[in-house]
Amino acid sequence: MLKFVGTDIVFQEFPDEVTLAINISNCPCKCPGCHSPFLWKDTGTELTEASIDQLINEAGSQITCIGFMGGDSAPERVNQLAGHIRKNHPDRKIGWYTGRTTISPLISRNRFDYIKVGPYIRHLGALNSPTTNQRMYRFHPDGSFDDITHRFQINST
């Protein structure tokens, strides 16, 4: 079961998107220096298809993307919920922030437009650092993908 602890409307997590970021709890990664250690605990409200529909409806037409911020404890459930969004809200893009170093084999990549992989490692920095270990991928309908990490970098052109 996935649980979430609040949402935010964000503008920088996925390029060119106004994102409804869903903060998922029970993170098993527990990265030192994490900006959201409150998400390490198994707390919050169950994230279901019905609650996602409600969150999307409440956010309104201003959002262009739904972002799962975490969910590493149940990637197969993130995959199921992404499938629900893809089917029932086809006008929204879907992104996932995972702290794992690879994309889970339990997901269908065609359900996602963006996936960020990689734990936060303080001395390497976040996505906006040129030395980051984290990667942001943009997936295309034909199954190909681009590494778009450079779009986050401070000195990016």
C-alpha atoms as a PDB file:
ATOM      1  CA  MET A   1       0.000   0.000   0.000  1.00  0.00           C
ATOM      2  CA  LEU A   2       1.251   3.455  -0.885  1.00  0.00           C
ATOM      3  CA  LYS A   3       0.497   6.385   1.377  1.00  0.00           C
ATOM      4  CA  PHE A   4       0.962  10.056   0.692  1.00  0.00           C
ATOM      5  CA  VAL A   5       1.636  13.012   2.921  1.00  0.00           C
ATOM      6  CA  GLY A   6       0.335  16.023   1.076  1.00  0.00           C
ATOM      7  CA  THR A   7       0.763  17.468  -2.358  1.00  0.00           C
ATOM      8  CA  ASP A   8       2.294  20.572  -3.873  1.00  0.00           C
ATOM      9  CA  ILE A   9       1.987  22.399  -7.162  1.00  0.00           C
ATOM     10  CA  VAL A  10       5.570  22.689  -8.408  1.00  0.00           C
ATOM     11  CA  PHE A  11       7.212  24.227 -11.453  1.00  0.00           C
ATOM     12  CA  GLN A  12      10.775  22.873 -11.502  1.00  0.00           C
ATOM     13  CA  GLU A  13      10.561  19.124 -10.874  1.00  0.00           C
ATOM     14  CA  PHE A  14       9.759  18.252 -14.494  1.00  0.00           C
ATOM     15  CA  PRO A  15      10.809  20.624 -17.299  1.00  0.00           C
ATOM     16  CA  ASP A  16       8.123  22.817 -18.841  1.00  0.00           C
ATOM     17  CA  GLU A  17       5.410  21.306 -16.639  1.00  0.00           C
ATOM     18  CA  VAL A  18       3.110  22.541 -13.911  1.00  0.00           C
ATOM     19  CA  THR A  19       3.156  19.476 -11.700  1.00  0.00           C
ATOM     20  CA  LEU A  20       0.921  18.119  -8.999  1.00  0.00           C
ATOM     21  CA  ALA A  21       3.650  16.550  -6.848  1.00  0.00           C
ATOM     22  CA  ILE A  22       2.357  13.742  -4.631  1.00  0.00           C
ATOM     23  CA  ASN A  23       4.672  13.202  -1.639  1.00  0.00           C
ATOM     24  CA  ILE A  24       4.777   9.461  -0.958  1.00  0.00           C
ATOM     25  CA  SER A  25       5.805   8.205   2.481  1.00  0.00           C
ATOM     26  CA  ASN A  26       7.621   5.081   3.717  1.00  0.00           C
ATOM     27  CA  CYS A  27      10.752   5.811   1.674  1.00  0.00           C
ATOM     28  CA  PRO A  28      13.241   2.968   2.116  1.00  0.00           C
ATOM     29  CA  CYS A  29      16.167   4.942   0.632  1.00  0.00           C
ATOM     30  CA  LYS A  30      16.689   7.295   3.607  1.00  0.00           C
ATOM     31  CA  CYS A  31      19.378   9.317   1.802  1.00  0.00           C
ATOM     32  CA  PRO A  32      21.643  11.293   4.167  1.00  0.00           C
ATOM     33  CA  GLY A  33      20.864  14.972   3.640  1.00  0.00           C
ATOM     34  CA  CYS A  34      17.380  14.242   2.278  1.00  0.00           C
ATOM     35  CA  HIS A  35      15.227  17.382   2.033  1.00  0.00           C
ATOM     36  CA  SER A  36      12.110  15.405   3.044  1.00  0.00           C
ATOM     37  CA  PRO A  37      13.031  13.050   5.910  1.00  0.00           C
ATOM     38  CA  PHE A  38       9.426  13.205   7.132  1.00  0.00           C
ATOM     39  CA  LEU A  39       8.665  10.886   4.182  1.00  0.00           C
ATOM     40  CA  TRP A  40      10.790   8.106   5.701  1.00  0.00           C
ATOM     41  CA  LYS A  41       7.964   7.142   8.057  1.00  0.00           C
ATOM     42  CA  ASP A  42       5.034   4.931   7.075  1.00  0.00           C
ATOM     43  CA  THR A  43       2.416   7.614   7.547  1.00  0.00           C
ATOM     44  CA  GLY A  44      -0.291   9.465   5.691  1.00  0.00           C
ATOM     45  CA  THR A  45      -3.350   8.624   3.624  1.00  0.00           C
ATOM     46  CA  GLU A  46      -3.624   5.657   1.275  1.00  0.00           C
ATOM     47  CA  LEU A  47      -2.994   6.656  -2.342  1.00  0.00           C
ATOM     48  CA  THR A  48      -5.721   5.060  -4.445  1.00  0.00           C
ATOM     49  CA  GLU A  49      -7.145   5.572  -7.899  1.00  0.00           C
ATOM     50  CA  ALA A  50     -10.050   7.467  -6.317  1.00  0.00           C
ATOM     51  CA  SER A  51      -7.777   9.746  -4.288  1.00  0.00           C
ATOM     52  CA  ILE A  52      -5.652  10.479  -7.378  1.00  0.00           C
ATOM     53  CA  ASP A  53      -8.788  11.411  -9.334  1.00  0.00           C
ATOM     54  CA  GLN A  54      -9.850  13.691  -6.492  1.00  0.00           C
ATOM     55  CA  LEU A  55      -6.415  15.357  -6.279  1.00  0.00           C
ATOM     56  CA  ILE A  56      -6.346  15.945 -10.034  1.00  0.00           C
ATOM     57  CA  ASN A  57      -9.868  17.355 -10.040  1.00  0.00           C
ATOM     58  CA  GLU A  58      -9.070  19.664  -7.113  1.00  0.00           C
ATOM     59  CA  ALA A  59      -5.886  20.914  -8.791  1.00  0.00           C
ATOM     60  CA  GLY A  60      -7.838  21.755 -11.930  1.00  0.00           C
ATOM     61  CA  SER A  61      -6.732  22.385 -15.470  1.00  0.00           C
ATOM     62  CA  GLN A  62      -3.629  24.350 -14.430  1.00  0.00           C
ATOM     63  CA  ILE A  63      -1.604  21.164 -13.915  1.00  0.00           C
ATOM     64  CA  THR A  64       0.040  19.451 -16.879  1.00  0.00           C
ATOM     65  CA  CYS A  65       1.829  16.648 -15.025  1.00  0.00           C
ATOM     66  CA  ILE A  66       1.337  14.308 -12.081  1.00  0.00           C
ATOM     67  CA  GLY A  67       4.567  13.580 -10.205  1.00  0.00           C
ATOM     68  CA  PHE A  68       5.076  10.668  -7.845  1.00  0.00           C
ATOM     69  CA  MET A  69       7.697  11.863  -5.370  1.00  0.00           C
ATOM     70  CA  GLY A  70       8.879   8.545  -3.993  1.00  0.00           C
ATOM     71  CA  GLY A  71       7.166   5.189  -3.956  1.00  0.00           C
ATOM     72  CA  ASP A  72      10.299   3.078  -3.876  1.00  0.00           C
ATOM     73  CA  SER A  73       8.713   0.742  -1.332  1.00  0.00           C
ATOM     74  CA  ALA A  74       6.087  -0.326  -3.924  1.00  0.00           C
ATOM     75  CA  PRO A  75       7.127   0.411  -7.533  1.00  0.00           C
ATOM     76  CA  GLU A  76       4.498  -1.982  -8.878  1.00  0.00           C
ATOM     77  CA  ARG A  77       1.811   0.140  -7.206  1.00  0.00           C
ATOM     78  CA  VAL A  78       3.303   3.343  -8.653  1.00  0.00           C
ATOM     79  CA  ASN A  79       3.099   1.578 -12.026  1.00  0.00           C
ATOM     80  CA  GLN A  80      -0.577   0.672 -11.505  1.00  0.00           C
ATOM     81  CA  LEU A  81      -1.463   4.228 -10.504  1.00  0.00           C
ATOM     82  CA  ALA A  82       0.449   5.623 -13.504  1.00  0.00           C
ATOM     83  CA  GLY A  83      -1.607   3.299 -15.718  1.00  0.00           C
ATOM     84  CA  HIS A  84      -4.788   4.662 -14.162  1.00  0.00           C
ATOM     85  CA  ILE A  85      -3.694   8.235 -14.851  1.00  0.00           C
ATOM     86  CA  ARG A  86      -2.652   7.379 -18.414  1.00  0.00           C
ATOM     87  CA  LYS A  87      -6.096   5.844 -19.081  1.00  0.00           C
ATOM     88  CA  ASN A  88      -8.332   8.294 -17.214  1.00  0.00           C
ATOM     89  CA  HIS A  89      -6.386  11.561 -17.525  1.00  0.00           C
ATOM     90  CA  PRO A  90      -4.604  11.205 -20.886  1.00  0.00           C
ATOM     91  CA  ASP A  91      -3.986  14.946 -21.140  1.00  0.00           C
ATOM     92  CA  ARG A  92      -1.620  14.834 -18.136  1.00  0.00           C
ATOM     93  CA  LYS A  93       2.007  13.789 -18.257  1.00  0.00           C
ATOM     94  CA  ILE A  94       3.342  11.445 -15.593  1.00  0.00           C
ATOM     95  CA  GLY A  95       6.648  11.609 -13.746  1.00  0.00           C
ATOM     96  CA  TRP A  96       8.338   9.631 -11.014  1.00  0.00           C
ATOM     97  CA  TYR A  97      11.208  10.510  -8.674  1.00  0.00           C
ATOM     98  CA  THR A  98      12.882   7.347  -7.462  1.00  0.00           C
ATOM     99  CA  GLY A  99      15.853   7.245  -5.129  1.00  0.00           C
ATOM    100  CA  ARG A 100      17.001   3.949  -6.611  1.00  0.00           C
ATOM    101  CA  THR A 101      19.996   3.843  -8.950  1.00  0.00           C
ATOM    102  CA  THR A 102      18.089   2.050 -11.716  1.00  0.00           C
ATOM    103  CA  ILE A 103      14.563   2.048 -13.080  1.00  0.00           C
ATOM    104  CA  SER A 104      12.561  -0.746 -11.509  1.00  0.00           C
ATOM    105  CA  PRO A 105      11.835  -3.722 -13.781  1.00  0.00           C
ATOM    106  CA  LEU A 106       8.371  -3.793 -12.153  1.00  0.00           C
ATOM    107  CA  ILE A 107       7.176  -0.768 -14.126  1.00  0.00           C
ATOM    108  CA  SER A 108       6.082  -0.202 -17.707  1.00  0.00           C
ATOM    109  CA  ARG A 109       8.129   2.692 -19.022  1.00  0.00           C
ATOM    110  CA  ASN A 110       5.387   3.636 -21.492  1.00  0.00           C
ATOM    111  CA  ARG A 111       3.265   4.750 -18.539  1.00  0.00           C
ATOM    112  CA  PHE A 112       5.740   7.518 -17.698  1.00  0.00           C
ATOM    113  CA  ASP A 113       6.894  10.642 -19.487  1.00  0.00           C
ATOM    114  CA  TYR A 114       9.682  11.376 -17.007  1.00  0.00           C
ATOM    115  CA  ILE A 115      11.662   9.340 -14.496  1.00  0.00           C
ATOM    116  CA  LYS A 116      14.389  10.676 -12.225  1.00  0.00           C
ATOM    117  CA  VAL A 117      16.716   8.028 -10.800  1.00  0.00           C
ATOM    118  CA  GLY A 118      19.409   8.218  -8.183  1.00  0.00           C
ATOM    119  CA  PRO A 119      19.716   8.757  -4.468  1.00  0.00           C
ATOM    120  CA  TYR A 120      20.678  12.169  -3.185  1.00  0.00           C
ATOM    121  CA  ILE A 121      24.393  12.155  -2.371  1.00  0.00           C
ATOM    122  CA  ARG A 122      25.287  15.440  -0.709  1.00  0.00           C
ATOM    123  CA  HIS A 123      28.840  15.837  -2.072  1.00  0.00           C
ATOM    124  CA  LEU A 124      27.606  15.153  -5.638  1.00  0.00           C
ATOM    125  CA  GLY A 125      24.642  17.503  -5.380  1.00  0.00           C
ATOM    126  CA  ALA A 126      21.094  17.419  -6.715  1.00  0.00           C
ATOM    127  CA  LEU A 127      19.942  17.541 -10.341  1.00  0.00           C
ATOM    128  CA  ASN A 128      21.099  21.146 -10.701  1.00  0.00           C
ATOM    129  CA  SER A 129      24.720  20.235  -9.917  1.00  0.00           C
ATOM    130  CA  PRO A 130      27.105  19.385 -12.766  1.00  0.00           C
ATOM    131  CA  THR A 131      28.552  16.587 -10.594  1.00  0.00           C
ATOM    132  CA  THR A 132      25.226  14.948  -9.697  1.00  0.00           C
ATOM    133  CA  ASN A 133      24.792  11.192  -9.823  1.00  0.00           C
ATOM    134  CA  GLN A 134      21.052  11.665 -10.402  1.00  0.00           C
ATOM    135  CA  ARG A 135      19.611  11.425 -13.922  1.00  0.00           C
ATOM    136  CA  MET A 136      16.342  12.685 -15.383  1.00  0.00           C
ATOM    137  CA  TYR A 137      14.984  10.806 -18.387  1.00  0.00           C
ATOM    138  CA  ARG A 138      12.260  11.865 -20.832  1.00  0.00           C
ATOM    139  CA  PHE A 139      10.512   8.901 -22.436  1.00  0.00           C
ATOM    140  CA  HIS A 140       8.974   8.942 -25.912  1.00  0.00           C
ATOM    141  CA  PRO A 141       6.020   6.918 -27.254  1.00  0.00           C
ATOM    142  CA  ASP A 142       8.339   4.869 -29.485  1.00  0.00           C
ATOM    143  CA  GLY A 143      10.170   3.540 -26.404  1.00  0.00           C
ATOM    144  CA  SER A 144      13.248   5.705 -26.792  1.00  0.00           C
ATOM    145  CA  PHE A 145      14.385   8.109 -24.109  1.00  0.00           C
ATOM    146  CA  ASP A 146      16.612  11.124 -23.642  1.00  0.00           C
ATOM    147  CA  ASP A 147      18.748  12.014 -20.656  1.00  0.00           C
ATOM    148  CA  ILE A 148      17.600  15.592 -19.960  1.00  0.00           C
ATOM    149  CA  THR A 149      19.564  16.123 -16.748  1.00  0.00           C
ATOM    150  CA  HIS A 150      21.418  19.024 -18.375  1.00  0.00           C
ATOM    151  CA  ARG A 151      18.178  21.056 -18.358  1.00  0.00           C
ATOM    152  CA  PHE A 152      18.420  21.314 -14.558  1.00  0.00           C
ATOM    153  CA  GLN A 153      22.048  22.334 -14.349  1.00  0.00           C
ATOM    154  CA  ILE A 154      22.895  25.799 -13.067  1.00  0.00           C
ATOM    155  CA  ASN A 155      25.130  26.651 -16.033  1.00  0.00           C
ATOM    156  CA  SER A 156      22.929  24.874 -18.588  1.00  0.00           C
ATOM    157  CA  THR A 157      22.467  26.590 -21.935  1.00  0.00           C
END
